Amino acid sequence: MYIINKETLGKAWIEALRMIMNLGEDIWDEDVSLRELRNLYITINNISEEDIILKEFADYDRIQLMKQKYATCGLVGDYKIDYGSYIYNNNGVDQIQWVINRLRNKAETKSATITLHKPGETMLACLSMLDFKYRNGKLDMTAVYRSQNIYWSHPGNMLALRKIQEDVAASLGWEIGKVDLVVISAHIYKSDFRRVNDIIESIGDC
């Protein structure tokens, strides 16, 4: 188990990149080489697209595409998984509205939890589960990913999830809290090693 606890998304992203490059294991996924760190736990308090580190080093177009992927019921870009439908129209259920209703009926509930997997499917969404907890006057969220490309996808994923967390909190008139992230396979593809090392070298300790 590997743990990162940072105040901002940018700092958490850099630390995750550094940790995977230094501690990860080189594996093959069919014919693609990558470096993988299993069971990475990340806690972030402040998630913003105005993050200085993201504005300098993250790919803006990729961030916008990831945000669209989570918000749109339909395929976007070259993705083969429709996240929006899993979240907002899963077997006819708007899962975010379901979560809002559940929290409104019982703020302290331990089961405001949704999944993005369907039994028997061979193509699985990278995001597996979202869980919401209202604790100490704030709405916290935990996201579980079976797999995440930390270099390309992590910033956009977190900004998209923050928007969902904000929407749920706003519907209930609550403050937003932290985001806890569990990534079972946190990885960086070998083809991106040079760019990742350049970022790590440029940013230094953070």
Protein backbone atom coordinates (compact mmCIF):
# COMPACT_ATOMS: atom_id res chain seq x y z
CA MET A 1 0.00 0.00 0.00
CA TYR A 2 1.28 3.46 -0.95
CA ILE A 3 -0.16 6.67 0.53
CA ILE A 4 -0.15 10.28 -0.70
CA ASN A 5 -1.76 13.11 1.25
CA LYS A 6 -1.46 16.53 -0.38
CA GLU A 7 -3.35 19.80 -0.12
CA THR A 8 -3.66 20.35 -3.88
CA LEU A 9 -4.31 18.22 -6.95
CA GLY A 10 -1.13 19.41 -8.66
CA LYS A 11 1.10 18.39 -5.75
CA ALA A 12 -0.66 15.02 -5.43
CA TRP A 13 -0.23 14.38 -9.17
CA ILE A 14 3.50 15.13 -9.10
CA GLU A 15 3.99 12.92 -6.04
CA ALA A 16 2.09 10.08 -7.72
CA LEU A 17 4.23 10.40 -10.86
CA ARG A 18 7.39 10.37 -8.77
CA MET A 19 6.26 7.40 -6.69
CA ILE A 20 5.36 5.28 -9.72
CA MET A 21 8.63 6.06 -11.49
CA ASN A 22 10.72 5.27 -8.38
CA LEU A 23 8.80 2.37 -6.87
CA GLY A 24 6.71 0.90 -9.67
CA GLU A 25 7.16 -2.47 -11.36
CA ASP A 26 7.69 -2.73 -15.11
CA ILE A 27 5.06 -4.99 -16.69
CA TRP A 28 3.50 -5.72 -20.06
CA ASP A 29 -0.16 -5.29 -20.89
CA GLU A 30 -0.33 -7.42 -24.03
CA ASP A 31 2.18 -5.64 -26.30
CA VAL A 32 2.40 -2.37 -24.31
CA SER A 33 5.06 -1.72 -21.68
CA LEU A 34 4.16 0.26 -18.55
CA ARG A 35 5.29 0.87 -14.98
CA GLU A 36 2.70 -0.01 -12.37
CA LEU A 37 2.22 0.75 -8.69
CA ARG A 38 -0.54 -1.27 -7.08
CA ASN A 39 -2.91 -0.04 -4.39
CA LEU A 40 -2.13 3.67 -4.35
CA TYR A 41 -4.14 5.79 -1.89
CA ILE A 42 -4.38 9.54 -2.51
CA THR A 43 -6.10 12.19 -0.37
CA ILE A 44 -6.61 15.69 -1.82
CA ASN A 45 -8.34 18.69 -0.24
CA ASN A 46 -8.13 21.38 -2.93
CA ILE A 47 -8.98 20.43 -6.52
CA SER A 48 -9.03 23.27 -9.05
CA GLU A 49 -8.35 23.74 -12.75
CA GLU A 50 -6.52 26.95 -11.74
CA ASP A 51 -3.86 24.84 -10.00
CA ILE A 52 -0.49 26.34 -11.01
CA ILE A 53 1.15 22.95 -11.51
CA LEU A 54 -1.65 21.69 -13.73
CA LYS A 55 -1.66 24.86 -15.82
CA GLU A 56 2.05 24.49 -16.48
CA PHE A 57 2.48 20.73 -16.90
CA ALA A 58 -0.85 18.97 -17.52
CA ASP A 59 -2.37 18.60 -20.99
CA TYR A 60 -5.29 21.07 -21.23
CA ASP A 61 -7.02 19.29 -24.11
CA ARG A 62 -6.86 15.96 -22.31
CA ILE A 63 -8.37 17.52 -19.19
CA GLN A 64 -11.29 18.93 -21.19
CA LEU A 65 -11.83 15.57 -22.89
CA MET A 66 -11.88 13.74 -19.56
CA LYS A 67 -14.39 16.23 -18.13
CA GLN A 68 -16.58 15.72 -21.19
CA LYS A 69 -16.28 11.94 -20.84
CA TYR A 70 -17.81 12.04 -17.36
CA ALA A 71 -20.54 14.56 -18.19
CA THR A 72 -21.77 13.26 -21.56
CA CYS A 73 -24.14 10.36 -22.16
CA GLY A 74 -22.43 9.05 -25.29
CA LEU A 75 -18.94 8.19 -26.46
CA VAL A 76 -16.42 11.03 -26.75
CA GLY A 77 -13.04 11.10 -28.45
CA ASP A 78 -11.64 7.63 -29.07
CA TYR A 79 -12.92 6.20 -25.79
CA LYS A 80 -14.84 2.92 -25.90
CA ILE A 81 -16.58 3.38 -22.55
CA ASP A 82 -19.46 5.81 -22.01
CA TYR A 83 -18.95 7.14 -18.48
CA GLY A 84 -21.82 9.59 -18.59
CA SER A 85 -24.40 6.88 -19.20
CA TYR A 86 -22.94 4.69 -16.45
CA ILE A 87 -23.28 7.61 -14.05
CA TYR A 88 -26.48 9.33 -15.18
CA ASN A 89 -28.46 6.64 -17.00
CA ASN A 90 -27.39 3.25 -15.69
CA ASN A 91 -30.24 0.88 -16.52
CA GLY A 92 -32.48 3.92 -16.51
CA VAL A 93 -31.21 5.21 -13.15
CA ASP A 94 -29.61 8.63 -12.68
CA GLN A 95 -27.15 7.47 -10.04
CA ILE A 96 -26.18 10.98 -8.94
CA GLN A 97 -29.80 11.93 -8.32
CA TRP A 98 -30.16 8.62 -6.46
CA VAL A 99 -27.21 9.57 -4.24
CA ILE A 100 -28.65 13.03 -3.62
CA ASN A 101 -32.01 11.57 -2.60
CA ARG A 102 -30.36 9.03 -0.34
CA LEU A 103 -28.28 11.68 1.43
CA ARG A 104 -31.25 14.02 1.71
CA ASN A 105 -33.30 11.30 3.39
CA LYS A 106 -30.46 10.27 5.73
CA ALA A 107 -27.43 12.56 5.85
CA GLU A 108 -25.36 10.15 7.92
CA THR A 109 -25.96 7.17 5.62
CA LYS A 110 -23.06 4.80 5.03
CA SER A 111 -24.46 3.59 1.72
CA ALA A 112 -24.55 6.55 -0.66
CA THR A 113 -22.49 4.43 -3.03
CA ILE A 114 -22.67 3.81 -6.77
CA THR A 115 -20.81 1.51 -9.17
CA LEU A 116 -19.86 1.79 -12.82
CA HIS A 117 -19.61 -1.93 -13.49
CA LYS A 118 -22.26 -4.24 -14.87
CA PRO A 119 -22.14 -8.02 -14.29
CA GLY A 120 -20.80 -10.03 -17.20
CA GLU A 121 -19.34 -7.16 -19.21
CA THR A 122 -15.90 -7.81 -20.65
CA MET A 123 -14.96 -4.12 -21.08
CA LEU A 124 -14.80 -2.45 -17.69
CA ALA A 125 -14.77 1.24 -16.88
CA CYS A 126 -11.55 2.31 -15.17
CA LEU A 127 -13.65 4.04 -12.50
CA SER A 128 -15.28 1.32 -10.42
CA MET A 129 -17.06 3.03 -7.54
CA LEU A 130 -18.00 6.40 -6.04
CA ASP A 131 -18.94 6.77 -2.38
CA PHE A 132 -20.23 9.89 -0.62
CA LYS A 133 -20.11 10.57 3.13
CA TYR A 134 -21.44 13.62 4.98
CA ARG A 135 -19.14 13.96 7.95
CA ASN A 136 -18.18 16.90 10.17
CA GLY A 137 -20.36 19.29 8.18
CA LYS A 138 -18.79 18.50 4.78
CA LEU A 139 -19.41 16.11 1.91
CA ASP A 140 -16.42 13.84 1.36
CA MET A 141 -16.08 11.56 -1.65
CA THR A 142 -14.10 8.36 -2.22
CA ALA A 143 -13.39 7.10 -5.74
CA VAL A 144 -12.07 3.62 -6.53
CA TYR A 145 -10.33 3.00 -9.84
CA ARG A 146 -9.42 -0.49 -10.97
CA SER A 147 -6.87 1.22 -13.25
CA GLN A 148 -5.69 4.76 -13.95
CA ASN A 149 -3.13 6.27 -16.32
CA ILE A 150 -1.66 8.71 -13.84
CA TYR A 151 0.24 10.83 -16.34
CA TRP A 152 -2.48 11.46 -18.92
CA SER A 153 -5.74 10.87 -17.07
CA HIS A 154 -5.33 11.68 -13.38
CA PRO A 155 -5.75 15.49 -13.54
CA GLY A 156 -8.84 15.33 -15.77
CA ASN A 157 -10.34 12.47 -13.79
CA MET A 158 -10.05 14.37 -10.53
CA LEU A 159 -11.46 17.60 -11.95
CA ALA A 160 -14.41 15.70 -13.42
CA LEU A 161 -15.05 13.94 -10.12
CA ARG A 162 -14.78 17.21 -8.20
CA LYS A 163 -17.56 18.62 -10.40
CA ILE A 164 -19.77 15.66 -9.46
CA GLN A 165 -18.95 16.16 -5.78
CA GLU A 166 -19.76 19.88 -6.08
CA ASP A 167 -23.08 19.12 -7.80
CA VAL A 168 -24.14 16.72 -5.06
CA ALA A 169 -23.10 19.11 -2.29
CA ALA A 170 -24.83 22.08 -3.95
CA SER A 171 -28.08 20.15 -4.32
CA LEU A 172 -28.05 19.53 -0.58
CA GLY A 173 -26.72 22.94 0.50
CA TRP A 174 -23.57 21.36 1.97
CA GLU A 175 -19.90 22.30 1.89
CA ILE A 176 -17.52 20.10 -0.07
CA GLY A 177 -14.78 18.22 1.76
CA LYS A 178 -11.85 16.08 0.69
CA VAL A 179 -11.51 13.47 -2.03
CA ASP A 180 -9.97 10.10 -1.26
CA LEU A 181 -8.77 8.10 -4.24
CA VAL A 182 -7.93 4.40 -4.38
CA VAL A 183 -6.13 3.26 -7.53
CA ILE A 184 -5.58 -0.48 -7.75
CA SER A 185 -3.33 -0.20 -10.82
CA ALA A 186 -1.70 3.24 -10.94
CA HIS A 187 0.51 3.28 -14.02
CA ILE A 188 2.56 5.24 -16.52
CA TYR A 189 3.24 3.98 -20.04
CA LYS A 190 6.87 3.57 -21.08
CA SER A 191 6.27 5.86 -24.06
CA ASP A 192 5.63 8.70 -21.57
CA PHE A 193 8.64 8.12 -19.31
CA ARG A 194 10.71 10.94 -20.81
CA ARG A 195 7.93 13.52 -20.45
CA VAL A 196 7.19 12.39 -16.90
CA ASN A 197 10.86 12.55 -15.88
CA ASP A 198 11.12 16.04 -17.40
CA ILE A 199 8.14 17.19 -15.30
CA ILE A 200 9.54 15.65 -12.12
CA GLU A 201 12.94 17.25 -12.72
CA SER A 202 11.38 20.65 -13.48
CA ILE A 203 9.11 20.74 -10.46
CA GLY A 204 11.55 19.42 -7.85
CA ASP A 205 10.18 18.74 -4.37
CA CYS A 206 6.63 19.87 -3.70
